[in-house]
Protein backbone atom coordinates (compact mmCIF):
# COMPACT_ATOMS: atom_id res chain seq x y z
CA UNK A 1 -32.24 32.54 -47.28
CA UNK A 2 -35.27 34.55 -46.25
CA UNK A 3 -38.25 32.38 -46.54
CA UNK A 4 -40.71 35.40 -46.50
CA UNK A 5 -38.84 36.85 -49.47
CA UNK A 6 -38.76 33.49 -51.08
CA UNK A 7 -42.51 33.10 -50.87
CA UNK A 8 -43.08 36.75 -52.04
CA UNK A 9 -40.76 36.23 -55.12
CA UNK A 10 -42.19 32.70 -55.87
CA UNK A 11 -45.94 33.97 -55.83
CA UNK A 12 -45.30 37.29 -57.49
CA UNK A 13 -43.27 35.62 -59.99
CA UNK A 14 -45.78 32.68 -60.54
CA UNK A 15 -48.52 35.37 -61.06
CA UNK A 16 -46.45 37.14 -63.68
CA UNK A 17 -45.53 33.89 -65.59
CA UNK A 18 -49.07 32.96 -65.65
CA UNK A 19 -50.39 36.21 -66.88
CA UNK A 20 -47.65 36.62 -69.49
CA UNK A 21 -48.11 33.14 -70.76
CA UNK A 22 -51.85 33.95 -71.16
CA UNK A 23 -51.15 36.94 -72.99
CA UNK A 24 -48.32 35.69 -75.26
CA UNK A 25 -49.20 31.96 -75.96
CA UNK A 26 -52.88 32.20 -75.36
CA UNK A 27 -53.64 35.37 -77.22
CA UNK A 28 -50.99 37.24 -79.36
CA UNK A 29 -49.25 34.19 -80.64
CA UNK A 30 -51.84 31.46 -80.37
CA UNK A 31 -52.49 31.40 -84.26
CA UNK A 32 -48.70 31.39 -84.85
CA UNK A 33 -47.93 28.39 -82.57
CA UNK A 34 -50.98 26.51 -84.07
CA UNK A 35 -49.76 27.14 -87.53
CA UNK A 36 -46.25 25.97 -86.51
CA UNK A 37 -47.25 22.86 -84.78
CA UNK A 38 -45.36 19.67 -85.92
CA UNK A 39 -47.00 16.56 -87.50
CA UNK A 40 -47.85 15.09 -84.10
CA UNK A 41 -51.78 14.92 -83.56
CA UNK A 42 -53.85 14.62 -80.56
CA UNK A 43 -51.30 16.19 -78.12
CA UNK A 44 -53.32 19.22 -76.94
CA UNK A 45 -55.78 18.64 -74.17
CA UNK A 46 -59.52 19.78 -74.74
CA UNK A 47 -59.53 21.11 -71.07
CA UNK A 48 -56.21 22.14 -69.58
CA UNK A 49 -55.27 20.86 -66.15
CA UNK A 50 -55.03 24.13 -64.44
CA UNK A 51 -53.54 22.74 -61.18
CA UNK A 52 -50.57 21.72 -63.28
CA UNK A 53 -50.24 24.91 -65.18
CA UNK A 54 -50.26 26.99 -61.96
CA UNK A 55 -47.86 24.61 -60.17
CA UNK A 56 -45.54 24.83 -63.32
CA UNK A 57 -45.30 28.54 -63.15
CA UNK A 58 -44.78 28.62 -59.53
CA UNK A 59 -41.94 26.13 -59.95
CA UNK A 60 -40.33 28.37 -62.59
CA UNK A 61 -40.77 31.32 -60.43
CA UNK A 62 -39.24 29.45 -57.37
CA UNK A 63 -36.22 28.66 -59.52
CA UNK A 64 -35.58 32.29 -60.54
CA UNK A 65 -36.26 33.36 -57.02
CA UNK A 66 -33.88 30.85 -55.67
CA UNK A 67 -31.05 31.84 -57.98
CA UNK A 68 -31.64 35.58 -57.34
CA UNK A 69 -31.73 35.14 -53.53
CA UNK A 70 -29.18 32.54 -52.91
CA UNK A 71 -26.51 32.96 -55.49
CA UNK A 72 -27.06 36.13 -57.42
CA UNK A 73 -28.06 38.75 -54.84
CA UNK A 74 -30.47 40.46 -57.17
CA UNK A 75 -32.79 43.01 -55.93
CA UNK A 76 -33.60 45.31 -58.74
CA UNK A 77 -35.95 45.20 -61.86
CA UNK A 78 -33.22 45.37 -64.33
CA UNK A 79 -30.89 42.86 -62.57
CA UNK A 80 -33.87 40.50 -62.41
CA UNK A 81 -34.72 41.44 -66.07
CA UNK A 82 -31.12 40.56 -67.30
CA UNK A 83 -30.87 37.36 -65.21
CA UNK A 84 -34.42 36.12 -65.94
CA UNK A 85 -33.65 36.69 -69.72
CA UNK A 86 -30.48 34.65 -69.59
CA UNK A 87 -32.06 31.69 -67.37
CA UNK A 88 -34.97 31.80 -69.64
CA UNK A 89 -33.10 31.54 -72.86
CA UNK A 90 -31.04 28.68 -71.32
CA UNK A 91 -34.17 26.91 -70.06
CA UNK A 92 -36.12 27.13 -73.30
CA UNK A 93 -33.15 26.24 -75.52
CA UNK A 94 -32.54 23.19 -73.39
CA UNK A 95 -36.17 22.01 -73.33
CA UNK A 96 -37.10 22.99 -76.95
CA UNK A 97 -34.22 21.64 -78.69
CA UNK A 98 -34.37 18.43 -76.77
CA UNK A 99 -38.13 18.17 -77.73
CA UNK A 100 -37.45 19.14 -81.15
CA UNK A 101 -34.78 16.47 -81.50
CA UNK A 102 -37.05 13.79 -80.23
CA UNK A 103 -40.55 14.58 -81.01
CA UNK A 104 -42.92 16.10 -83.89
CA UNK A 105 -44.47 18.69 -81.73
CA UNK A 106 -43.47 21.85 -83.51
CA UNK A 107 -41.57 23.00 -86.49
CA UNK A 108 -38.20 24.79 -86.35
CA UNK A 109 -39.95 28.02 -86.74
CA UNK A 110 -42.19 27.28 -83.90
CA UNK A 111 -39.08 26.20 -81.80
CA UNK A 112 -37.33 29.66 -82.55
CA UNK A 113 -40.39 31.57 -81.61
CA UNK A 114 -41.05 29.56 -78.45
CA UNK A 115 -37.36 30.52 -77.27
CA UNK A 116 -37.98 34.01 -78.00
CA UNK A 117 -41.33 34.22 -76.31
CA UNK A 118 -40.28 32.19 -73.19
CA UNK A 119 -37.09 34.40 -73.00
CA UNK A 120 -39.33 37.50 -72.99
CA UNK A 121 -41.38 35.99 -70.40
CA UNK A 122 -38.71 35.01 -68.06
CA UNK A 123 -37.07 38.42 -68.42
CA UNK A 124 -40.06 40.27 -67.33
CA UNK A 125 -40.96 37.80 -64.65
CA UNK A 126 -37.31 38.12 -63.50
CA UNK A 127 -37.67 41.73 -63.32
CA UNK A 128 -40.90 41.49 -61.19
CA UNK A 129 -39.20 39.14 -58.83
CA UNK A 130 -36.05 41.31 -58.72
CA UNK A 131 -38.14 44.29 -57.82
CA UNK A 132 -40.21 42.22 -55.24
CA UNK A 133 -36.97 41.20 -53.52
CA UNK A 134 -35.66 44.66 -53.19
CA UNK A 135 -38.87 45.92 -51.80
CA UNK A 136 -38.24 47.45 -48.34
CA UNK A 137 -34.41 47.64 -48.83
CA UNK A 138 -32.87 50.70 -47.57
CA UNK A 139 -30.59 52.49 -50.12
């Protein structure tokens, strides 16, 4: 595996995840998710731990980059978009359904919307990573 491409995909994808999360969760759907929070109280932090948020975005980007480079050979925006959507859907379903089954963090409507939003984020980020991995590739 090409370490330089892995680093570029991870960092570029991490930035994409971060910016999309800010836009989708922090601005566009913030009120929706607040209205669809579960009965659990005191679970949101007053001030976010930015280091953890950044590392989480980088970790998810690294997962997509690893899959694309090592097993899927994805080097295009469209290939990354499709694969990112599938991986994002499965990751979101796995995490959200497990959380829904064991906690009171969100309503069922919140779960469905979170799966949709995260799938869109992962699709676009996957597209960015695929595009970055294909840069410099001779046709």
